[in-house]
Amino acid sequence: MAVPQEPLTLSPEEVVELNRQLSDTRHNINNHLTLISTALELMRRKPEATARMLENMADQPQKIRDEIARLSDVFERALRITKG
């Protein structure tokens, strides 16, 4: 990982955008986790829904990983962090 060797300045607009991206990511991850929790509760109450709920829950970890990767890319670009 390579980071800038000089101090980095972000404009107020860039800070606002980073904060918006962070807020969106938190919101999206919370939605994915809520779906998992809701599916588990539904499976407890209605075991016949288990197959359908398992399919929905199986997609959520990858969606969470994708959200985190997207946010990491946004921050790395904004902070001028390069890999390698």
PDB file of N, CA and C in Angstrom:
ATOM      1  N   MET A   1       0.853  -1.173   0.000  1.00  0.00           N
ATOM      2  CA  MET A   1       0.000   0.000   0.000  1.00  0.00           C
ATOM      3  C   MET A   1       0.895   1.231   0.000  1.00  0.00           C
ATOM      4  N   ALA A   2       0.600   2.150  -0.868  1.00  0.00           N
ATOM      5  CA  ALA A   2       1.334   3.401  -0.937  1.00  0.00           C
ATOM      6  C   ALA A   2       0.394   4.543  -0.595  1.00  0.00           C
ATOM      7  N   VAL A   3       0.851   5.382   0.303  1.00  0.00           N
ATOM      8  CA  VAL A   3       0.057   6.540   0.717  1.00  0.00           C
ATOM      9  C   VAL A   3       0.781   7.802   0.271  1.00  0.00           C
ATOM     10  N   PRO A   4       0.073   8.906   0.156  1.00  0.00           N
ATOM     11  CA  PRO A   4       0.729  10.153  -0.241  1.00  0.00           C
ATOM     12  C   PRO A   4       1.842  10.510   0.751  1.00  0.00           C
ATOM     13  N   GLN A   5       2.916  11.069   0.236  1.00  0.00           N
ATOM     14  CA  GLN A   5       4.041  11.458   1.073  1.00  0.00           C
ATOM     15  C   GLN A   5       3.902  12.885   1.593  1.00  0.00           C
ATOM     16  N   GLU A   6       2.975  13.611   1.039  1.00  0.00           N
ATOM     17  CA  GLU A   6       2.718  14.992   1.445  1.00  0.00           C
ATOM     18  C   GLU A   6       1.349  15.070   2.111  1.00  0.00           C
ATOM     19  N   PRO A   7       1.139  16.091   2.942  1.00  0.00           N
ATOM     20  CA  PRO A   7      -0.195  16.254   3.545  1.00  0.00           C
ATOM     21  C   PRO A   7      -1.266  16.325   2.461  1.00  0.00           C
ATOM     22  N   LEU A   8      -2.419  15.842   2.802  1.00  0.00           N
ATOM     23  CA  LEU A   8      -3.533  15.772   1.868  1.00  0.00           C
ATOM     24  C   LEU A   8      -4.630  16.701   2.353  1.00  0.00           C
ATOM     25  N   THR A   9      -5.166  17.464   1.446  1.00  0.00           N
ATOM     26  CA  THR A   9      -6.257  18.372   1.789  1.00  0.00           C
ATOM     27  C   THR A   9      -7.499  17.952   1.029  1.00  0.00           C
ATOM     28  N   LEU A  10      -8.593  17.837   1.756  1.00  0.00           N
ATOM     29  CA  LEU A  10      -9.883  17.548   1.133  1.00  0.00           C
ATOM     30  C   LEU A  10     -10.740  18.803   1.205  1.00  0.00           C
ATOM     31  N   SER A  11     -11.454  19.054   0.137  1.00  0.00           N
ATOM     32  CA  SER A  11     -12.375  20.195   0.143  1.00  0.00           C
ATOM     33  C   SER A  11     -13.592  19.843   0.991  1.00  0.00           C
ATOM     34  N   PRO A  12     -14.317  20.858   1.433  1.00  0.00           N
ATOM     35  CA  PRO A  12     -15.550  20.563   2.165  1.00  0.00           C
ATOM     36  C   PRO A  12     -16.509  19.690   1.355  1.00  0.00           C
ATOM     37  N   GLU A  13     -16.552  19.891   0.051  1.00  0.00           N
ATOM     38  CA  GLU A  13     -17.428  19.085  -0.793  1.00  0.00           C
ATOM     39  C   GLU A  13     -16.987  17.625  -0.804  1.00  0.00           C
ATOM     40  N   GLU A  14     -15.673  17.404  -0.825  1.00  0.00           N
ATOM     41  CA  GLU A  14     -15.166  16.027  -0.803  1.00  0.00           C
ATOM     42  C   GLU A  14     -15.490  15.343   0.520  1.00  0.00           C
ATOM     43  N   VAL A  15     -15.385  16.090   1.612  1.00  0.00           N
ATOM     44  CA  VAL A  15     -15.728  15.525   2.920  1.00  0.00           C
ATOM     45  C   VAL A  15     -17.211  15.188   2.976  1.00  0.00           C
ATOM     46  N   VAL A  16     -18.038  16.067   2.452  1.00  0.00           N
ATOM     47  CA  VAL A  16     -19.484  15.816   2.411  1.00  0.00           C
ATOM     48  C   VAL A  16     -19.768  14.553   1.593  1.00  0.00           C
ATOM     49  N   GLU A  17     -19.095  14.406   0.460  1.00  0.00           N
ATOM     50  CA  GLU A  17     -19.316  13.242  -0.394  1.00  0.00           C
ATOM     51  C   GLU A  17     -18.849  11.961   0.300  1.00  0.00           C
ATOM     52  N   LEU A  18     -17.700  11.995   0.950  1.00  0.00           N
ATOM     53  CA  LEU A  18     -17.226  10.813   1.683  1.00  0.00           C
ATOM     54  C   LEU A  18     -18.195  10.445   2.796  1.00  0.00           C
ATOM     55  N   ASN A  19     -18.702  11.444   3.485  1.00  0.00           N
ATOM     56  CA  ASN A  19     -19.666  11.182   4.552  1.00  0.00           C
ATOM     57  C   ASN A  19     -20.955  10.582   3.989  1.00  0.00           C
ATOM     58  N   ARG A  20     -21.382  11.064   2.828  1.00  0.00           N
ATOM     59  CA  ARG A  20     -22.584  10.518   2.193  1.00  0.00           C
ATOM     60  C   ARG A  20     -22.357   9.058   1.808  1.00  0.00           C
ATOM     61  N   GLN A  21     -21.202   8.781   1.253  1.00  0.00           N
ATOM     62  CA  GLN A  21     -20.875   7.405   0.869  1.00  0.00           C
ATOM     63  C   GLN A  21     -20.852   6.489   2.095  1.00  0.00           C
ATOM     64  N   LEU A  22     -20.254   6.967   3.175  1.00  0.00           N
ATOM     65  CA  LEU A  22     -20.217   6.188   4.414  1.00  0.00           C
ATOM     66  C   LEU A  22     -21.629   5.949   4.944  1.00  0.00           C
ATOM     67  N   SER A  23     -22.451   6.980   4.930  1.00  0.00           N
ATOM     68  CA  SER A  23     -23.831   6.852   5.391  1.00  0.00           C
ATOM     69  C   SER A  23     -24.610   5.857   4.525  1.00  0.00           C
ATOM     70  N   ASP A  24     -24.441   5.947   3.219  1.00  0.00           N
ATOM     71  CA  ASP A  24     -25.121   5.012   2.313  1.00  0.00           C
ATOM     72  C   ASP A  24     -24.684   3.576   2.586  1.00  0.00           C
ATOM     73  N   THR A  25     -23.395   3.385   2.808  1.00  0.00           N
ATOM     74  CA  THR A  25     -22.876   2.041   3.066  1.00  0.00           C
ATOM     75  C   THR A  25     -23.436   1.488   4.367  1.00  0.00           C
ATOM     76  N   ARG A  26     -23.438   2.302   5.415  1.00  0.00           N
ATOM     77  CA  ARG A  26     -24.028   1.848   6.688  1.00  0.00           C
ATOM     78  C   ARG A  26     -25.479   1.455   6.498  1.00  0.00           C
ATOM     79  N   HIS A  27     -26.215   2.276   5.780  1.00  0.00           N
ATOM     80  CA  HIS A  27     -27.634   2.008   5.529  1.00  0.00           C
ATOM     81  C   HIS A  27     -27.812   0.689   4.769  1.00  0.00           C
ATOM     82  N   ASN A  28     -27.036   0.502   3.714  1.00  0.00           N
ATOM     83  CA  ASN A  28     -27.162  -0.708   2.900  1.00  0.00           C
ATOM     84  C   ASN A  28     -26.779  -1.955   3.677  1.00  0.00           C
ATOM     85  N   ILE A  29     -25.702  -1.889   4.447  1.00  0.00           N
ATOM     86  CA  ILE A  29     -25.292  -3.049   5.240  1.00  0.00           C
ATOM     87  C   ILE A  29     -26.340  -3.350   6.304  1.00  0.00           C
ATOM     88  N   ASN A  30     -26.871  -2.328   6.944  1.00  0.00           N
ATOM     89  CA  ASN A  30     -27.944  -2.564   7.922  1.00  0.00           C
ATOM     90  C   ASN A  30     -29.153  -3.226   7.268  1.00  0.00           C
ATOM     91  N   ASN A  31     -29.466  -2.837   6.042  1.00  0.00           N
ATOM     92  CA  ASN A  31     -30.581  -3.484   5.330  1.00  0.00           C
ATOM     93  C   ASN A  31     -30.298  -4.961   5.090  1.00  0.00           C
ATOM     94  N   HIS A  32     -29.074  -5.287   4.684  1.00  0.00           N
ATOM     95  CA  HIS A  32     -28.722  -6.690   4.449  1.00  0.00           C
ATOM     96  C   HIS A  32     -28.793  -7.494   5.748  1.00  0.00           C
ATOM     97  N   LEU A  33     -28.303  -6.921   6.827  1.00  0.00           N
ATOM     98  CA  LEU A  33     -28.346  -7.618   8.120  1.00  0.00           C
ATOM     99  C   LEU A  33     -29.778  -7.769   8.619  1.00  0.00           C
ATOM    100  N   THR A  34     -30.605  -6.765   8.386  1.00  0.00           N
ATOM    101  CA  THR A  34     -32.012  -6.851   8.773  1.00  0.00           C
ATOM    102  C   THR A  34     -32.712  -7.957   7.994  1.00  0.00           C
ATOM    103  N   LEU A  35     -32.389  -8.076   6.716  1.00  0.00           N
ATOM    104  CA  LEU A  35     -32.988  -9.146   5.928  1.00  0.00           C
ATOM    105  C   LEU A  35     -32.621 -10.510   6.506  1.00  0.00           C
ATOM    106  N   ILE A  36     -31.362 -10.688   6.902  1.00  0.00           N
ATOM    107  CA  ILE A  36     -30.934 -11.955   7.504  1.00  0.00           C
ATOM    108  C   ILE A  36     -31.703 -12.208   8.797  1.00  0.00           C
ATOM    109  N   SER A  37     -31.771 -11.216   9.660  1.00  0.00           N
ATOM    110  CA  SER A  37     -32.477 -11.373  10.937  1.00  0.00           C
ATOM    111  C   SER A  37     -33.955 -11.673  10.738  1.00  0.00           C
ATOM    112  N   THR A  38     -34.568 -10.976   9.798  1.00  0.00           N
ATOM    113  CA  THR A  38     -35.983 -11.189   9.522  1.00  0.00           C
ATOM    114  C   THR A  38     -36.225 -12.586   8.961  1.00  0.00           C
ATOM    115  N   ALA A  39     -35.347 -13.019   8.067  1.00  0.00           N
ATOM    116  CA  ALA A  39     -35.486 -14.362   7.498  1.00  0.00           C
ATOM    117  C   ALA A  39     -35.355 -15.425   8.584  1.00  0.00           C
ATOM    118  N   LEU A  40     -34.413 -15.248   9.488  1.00  0.00           N
ATOM    119  CA  LEU A  40     -34.257 -16.213  10.587  1.00  0.00           C
ATOM    120  C   LEU A  40     -35.515 -16.281  11.448  1.00  0.00           C
ATOM    121  N   GLU A  41     -36.055 -15.139  11.763  1.00  0.00           N
ATOM    122  CA  GLU A  41     -37.268 -15.104  12.583  1.00  0.00           C
ATOM    123  C   GLU A  41     -38.434 -15.758  11.845  1.00  0.00           C
ATOM    124  N   LEU A  42     -38.567 -15.483  10.566  1.00  0.00           N
ATOM    125  CA  LEU A  42     -39.641 -16.098   9.784  1.00  0.00           C
ATOM    126  C   LEU A  42     -39.471 -17.612   9.732  1.00  0.00           C
ATOM    127  N   MET A  43     -38.240 -18.080   9.603  1.00  0.00           N
ATOM    128  CA  MET A  43     -37.993 -19.522   9.562  1.00  0.00           C
ATOM    129  C   MET A  43     -38.362 -20.178  10.890  1.00  0.00           C
ATOM    130  N   ARG A  44     -38.143 -19.456  11.986  1.00  0.00           N
ATOM    131  CA  ARG A  44     -38.543 -19.996  13.299  1.00  0.00           C
ATOM    132  C   ARG A  44     -40.058 -20.132  13.397  1.00  0.00           C
ATOM    133  N   ARG A  45     -40.760 -19.131  12.868  1.00  0.00           N
ATOM    134  CA  ARG A  45     -42.218 -19.119  12.989  1.00  0.00           C
ATOM    135  C   ARG A  45     -42.919 -19.949  11.915  1.00  0.00           C
ATOM    136  N   LYS A  46     -42.301 -20.009  10.732  1.00  0.00           N
ATOM    137  CA  LYS A  46     -42.899 -20.734   9.609  1.00  0.00           C
ATOM    138  C   LYS A  46     -41.834 -21.599   8.948  1.00  0.00           C
ATOM    139  N   PRO A  47     -41.579 -22.744   9.503  1.00  0.00           N
ATOM    140  CA  PRO A  47     -40.527 -23.613   8.952  1.00  0.00           C
ATOM    141  C   PRO A  47     -40.721 -23.934   7.468  1.00  0.00           C
ATOM    142  N   GLU A  48     -41.937 -23.893   6.999  1.00  0.00           N
ATOM    143  CA  GLU A  48     -42.168 -24.188   5.578  1.00  0.00           C
ATOM    144  C   GLU A  48     -41.553 -23.117   4.660  1.00  0.00           C
ATOM    145  N   ALA A  49     -41.190 -21.978   5.206  1.00  0.00           N
ATOM    146  CA  ALA A  49     -40.569 -20.902   4.413  1.00  0.00           C
ATOM    147  C   ALA A  49     -39.043 -21.008   4.390  1.00  0.00           C
ATOM    148  N   THR A  50     -38.509 -22.019   5.034  1.00  0.00           N
ATOM    149  CA  THR A  50     -37.061 -22.116   5.200  1.00  0.00           C
ATOM    150  C   THR A  50     -36.303 -22.123   3.876  1.00  0.00           C
ATOM    151  N   ALA A  51     -36.715 -22.918   2.923  1.00  0.00           N
ATOM    152  CA  ALA A  51     -35.981 -23.013   1.654  1.00  0.00           C
ATOM    153  C   ALA A  51     -35.888 -21.652   0.965  1.00  0.00           C
ATOM    154  N   ARG A  52     -36.995 -20.955   0.915  1.00  0.00           N
ATOM    155  CA  ARG A  52     -37.015 -19.635   0.257  1.00  0.00           C
ATOM    156  C   ARG A  52     -36.158 -18.636   1.023  1.00  0.00           C
ATOM    157  N   MET A  53     -36.248 -18.664   2.351  1.00  0.00           N
ATOM    158  CA  MET A  53     -35.485 -17.723   3.175  1.00  0.00           C
ATOM    159  C   MET A  53     -33.982 -18.006   3.126  1.00  0.00           C
ATOM    160  N   LEU A  54     -33.612 -19.280   3.082  1.00  0.00           N
ATOM    161  CA  LEU A  54     -32.194 -19.622   2.986  1.00  0.00           C
ATOM    162  C   LEU A  54     -31.587 -19.063   1.704  1.00  0.00           C
ATOM    163  N   GLU A  55     -32.338 -19.138   0.635  1.00  0.00           N
ATOM    164  CA  GLU A  55     -31.853 -18.594  -0.642  1.00  0.00           C
ATOM    165  C   GLU A  55     -31.611 -17.096  -0.527  1.00  0.00           C
ATOM    166  N   ASN A  56     -32.547 -16.380   0.092  1.00  0.00           N
ATOM    167  CA  ASN A  56     -32.377 -14.932   0.276  1.00  0.00           C
ATOM    168  C   ASN A  56     -31.189 -14.621   1.181  1.00  0.00           C
ATOM    169  N   MET A  57     -31.052 -15.368   2.264  1.00  0.00           N
ATOM    170  CA  MET A  57     -29.959 -15.117   3.212  1.00  0.00           C
ATOM    171  C   MET A  57     -28.604 -15.427   2.589  1.00  0.00           C
ATOM    172  N   ALA A  58     -28.544 -16.413   1.730  1.00  0.00           N
ATOM    173  CA  ALA A  58     -27.274 -16.815   1.131  1.00  0.00           C
ATOM    174  C   ALA A  58     -26.650 -15.696   0.301  1.00  0.00           C
ATOM    175  N   ASP A  59     -27.456 -14.810  -0.256  1.00  0.00           N
ATOM    176  CA  ASP A  59     -26.951 -13.704  -1.076  1.00  0.00           C
ATOM    177  C   ASP A  59     -26.382 -12.551  -0.251  1.00  0.00           C
ATOM    178  N   GLN A  60     -26.803 -12.445   0.991  1.00  0.00           N
ATOM    179  CA  GLN A  60     -26.477 -11.247   1.776  1.00  0.00           C
ATOM    180  C   GLN A  60     -24.992 -11.076   2.104  1.00  0.00           C
ATOM    181  N   PRO A  61     -24.249 -12.121   2.493  1.00  0.00           N
ATOM    182  CA  PRO A  61     -22.829 -11.897   2.792  1.00  0.00           C
ATOM    183  C   PRO A  61     -22.052 -11.312   1.609  1.00  0.00           C
ATOM    184  N   GLN A  62     -22.313 -11.790   0.404  1.00  0.00           N
ATOM    185  CA  GLN A  62     -21.603 -11.229  -0.759  1.00  0.00           C
ATOM    186  C   GLN A  62     -22.009  -9.781  -0.981  1.00  0.00           C
ATOM    187  N   LYS A  63     -23.273  -9.465  -0.778  1.00  0.00           N
ATOM    188  CA  LYS A  63     -23.709  -8.077  -0.930  1.00  0.00           C
ATOM    189  C   LYS A  63     -23.017  -7.178   0.089  1.00  0.00           C
ATOM    190  N   ILE A  64     -22.841  -7.667   1.308  1.00  0.00           N
ATOM    191  CA  ILE A  64     -22.136  -6.898   2.339  1.00  0.00           C
ATOM    192  C   ILE A  64     -20.670  -6.720   1.941  1.00  0.00           C
ATOM    193  N   ARG A  65     -20.027  -7.796   1.486  1.00  0.00           N
ATOM    194  CA  ARG A  65     -18.631  -7.687   1.030  1.00  0.00           C
ATOM    195  C   ARG A  65     -18.518  -6.674  -0.109  1.00  0.00           C
ATOM    196  N   ASP A  66     -19.467  -6.689  -1.041  1.00  0.00           N
ATOM    197  CA  ASP A  66     -19.446  -5.747  -2.163  1.00  0.00           C
ATOM    198  C   ASP A  66     -19.569  -4.303  -1.671  1.00  0.00           C
ATOM    199  N   GLU A  67     -20.439  -4.079  -0.702  1.00  0.00           N
ATOM    200  CA  GLU A  67     -20.598  -2.735  -0.134  1.00  0.00           C
ATOM    201  C   GLU A  67     -19.289  -2.244   0.495  1.00  0.00           C
ATOM    202  N   ILE A  68     -18.653  -3.104   1.261  1.00  0.00           N
ATOM    203  CA  ILE A  68     -17.401  -2.731   1.922  1.00  0.00           C
ATOM    204  C   ILE A  68     -16.314  -2.469   0.880  1.00  0.00           C
ATOM    205  N   ALA A  69     -16.236  -3.306  -0.147  1.00  0.00           N
ATOM    206  CA  ALA A  69     -15.239  -3.106  -1.211  1.00  0.00           C
ATOM    207  C   ALA A  69     -15.478  -1.791  -1.939  1.00  0.00           C
ATOM    208  N   ARG A  70     -16.745  -1.487  -2.210  1.00  0.00           N
ATOM    209  CA  ARG A  70     -17.075  -0.231  -2.896  1.00  0.00           C
ATOM    210  C   ARG A  70     -16.644   0.962  -2.059  1.00  0.00           C
ATOM    211  N   LEU A  71     -16.951   0.934  -0.763  1.00  0.00           N
ATOM    212  CA  LEU A  71     -16.573   2.039   0.109  1.00  0.00           C
ATOM    213  C   LEU A  71     -15.052   2.143   0.229  1.00  0.00           C
ATOM    214  N   SER A  72     -14.381   1.019   0.312  1.00  0.00           N
ATOM    215  CA  SER A  72     -12.911   1.034   0.372  1.00  0.00           C
ATOM    216  C   SER A  72     -12.334   1.710  -0.874  1.00  0.00           C
ATOM    217  N   ASP A  73     -12.881   1.393  -2.026  1.00  0.00           N
ATOM    218  CA  ASP A  73     -12.415   2.020  -3.269  1.00  0.00           C
ATOM    219  C   ASP A  73     -12.622   3.528  -3.240  1.00  0.00           C
ATOM    220  N   VAL A  74     -13.776   3.951  -2.757  1.00  0.00           N
ATOM    221  CA  VAL A  74     -14.082   5.385  -2.671  1.00  0.00           C
ATOM    222  C   VAL A  74     -13.061   6.080  -1.774  1.00  0.00           C
ATOM    223  N   PHE A  75     -12.804   5.508  -0.592  1.00  0.00           N
ATOM    224  CA  PHE A  75     -11.865   6.134   0.339  1.00  0.00           C
ATOM    225  C   PHE A  75     -10.438   6.094  -0.193  1.00  0.00           C
ATOM    226  N   GLU A  76     -10.041   4.996  -0.810  1.00  0.00           N
ATOM    227  CA  GLU A  76      -8.684   4.904  -1.362  1.00  0.00           C
ATOM    228  C   GLU A  76      -8.466   5.945  -2.455  1.00  0.00           C
ATOM    229  N   ARG A  77      -9.466   6.151  -3.302  1.00  0.00           N
ATOM    230  CA  ARG A  77      -9.341   7.194  -4.338  1.00  0.00           C
ATOM    231  C   ARG A  77      -9.268   8.576  -3.700  1.00  0.00           C
ATOM    232  N   ALA A  78     -10.155   8.842  -2.755  1.00  0.00           N
ATOM    233  CA  ALA A  78     -10.199  10.162  -2.129  1.00  0.00           C
ATOM    234  C   ALA A  78      -8.923  10.468  -1.359  1.00  0.00           C
ATOM    235  N   LEU A  79      -8.345   9.449  -0.731  1.00  0.00           N
ATOM    236  CA  LEU A  79      -7.135   9.643   0.081  1.00  0.00           C
ATOM    237  C   LEU A  79      -5.861   9.328  -0.696  1.00  0.00           C
ATOM    238  N   ARG A  80      -6.036   9.037  -1.981  1.00  0.00           N
ATOM    239  CA  ARG A  80      -4.914   8.771  -2.897  1.00  0.00           C
ATOM    240  C   ARG A  80      -4.019   7.638  -2.397  1.00  0.00           C
ATOM    241  N   ILE A  81      -4.664   6.577  -1.957  1.00  0.00           N
ATOM    242  CA  ILE A  81      -3.968   5.375  -1.515  1.00  0.00           C
ATOM    243  C   ILE A  81      -3.937   4.409  -2.693  1.00  0.00           C
ATOM    244  N   THR A  82      -2.757   3.909  -2.985  1.00  0.00           N
ATOM    245  CA  THR A  82      -2.623   2.955  -4.086  1.00  0.00           C
ATOM    246  C   THR A  82      -2.164   1.616  -3.541  1.00  0.00           C
ATOM    247  N   LYS A  83      -2.516   0.576  -4.239  1.00  0.00           N
ATOM    248  CA  LYS A  83      -2.110  -0.768  -3.838  1.00  0.00           C
ATOM    249  C   LYS A  83      -0.819  -1.112  -4.571  1.00  0.00           C
ATOM    250  N   GLY A  84       0.066  -1.754  -3.847  1.00  0.00           N
ATOM    251  CA  GLY A  84       1.290  -2.198  -4.505  1.00  0.00           C
ATOM    252  C   GLY A  84       2.410  -1.343  -4.119  1.00  0.00           C
TER     253      GLY A  84
END
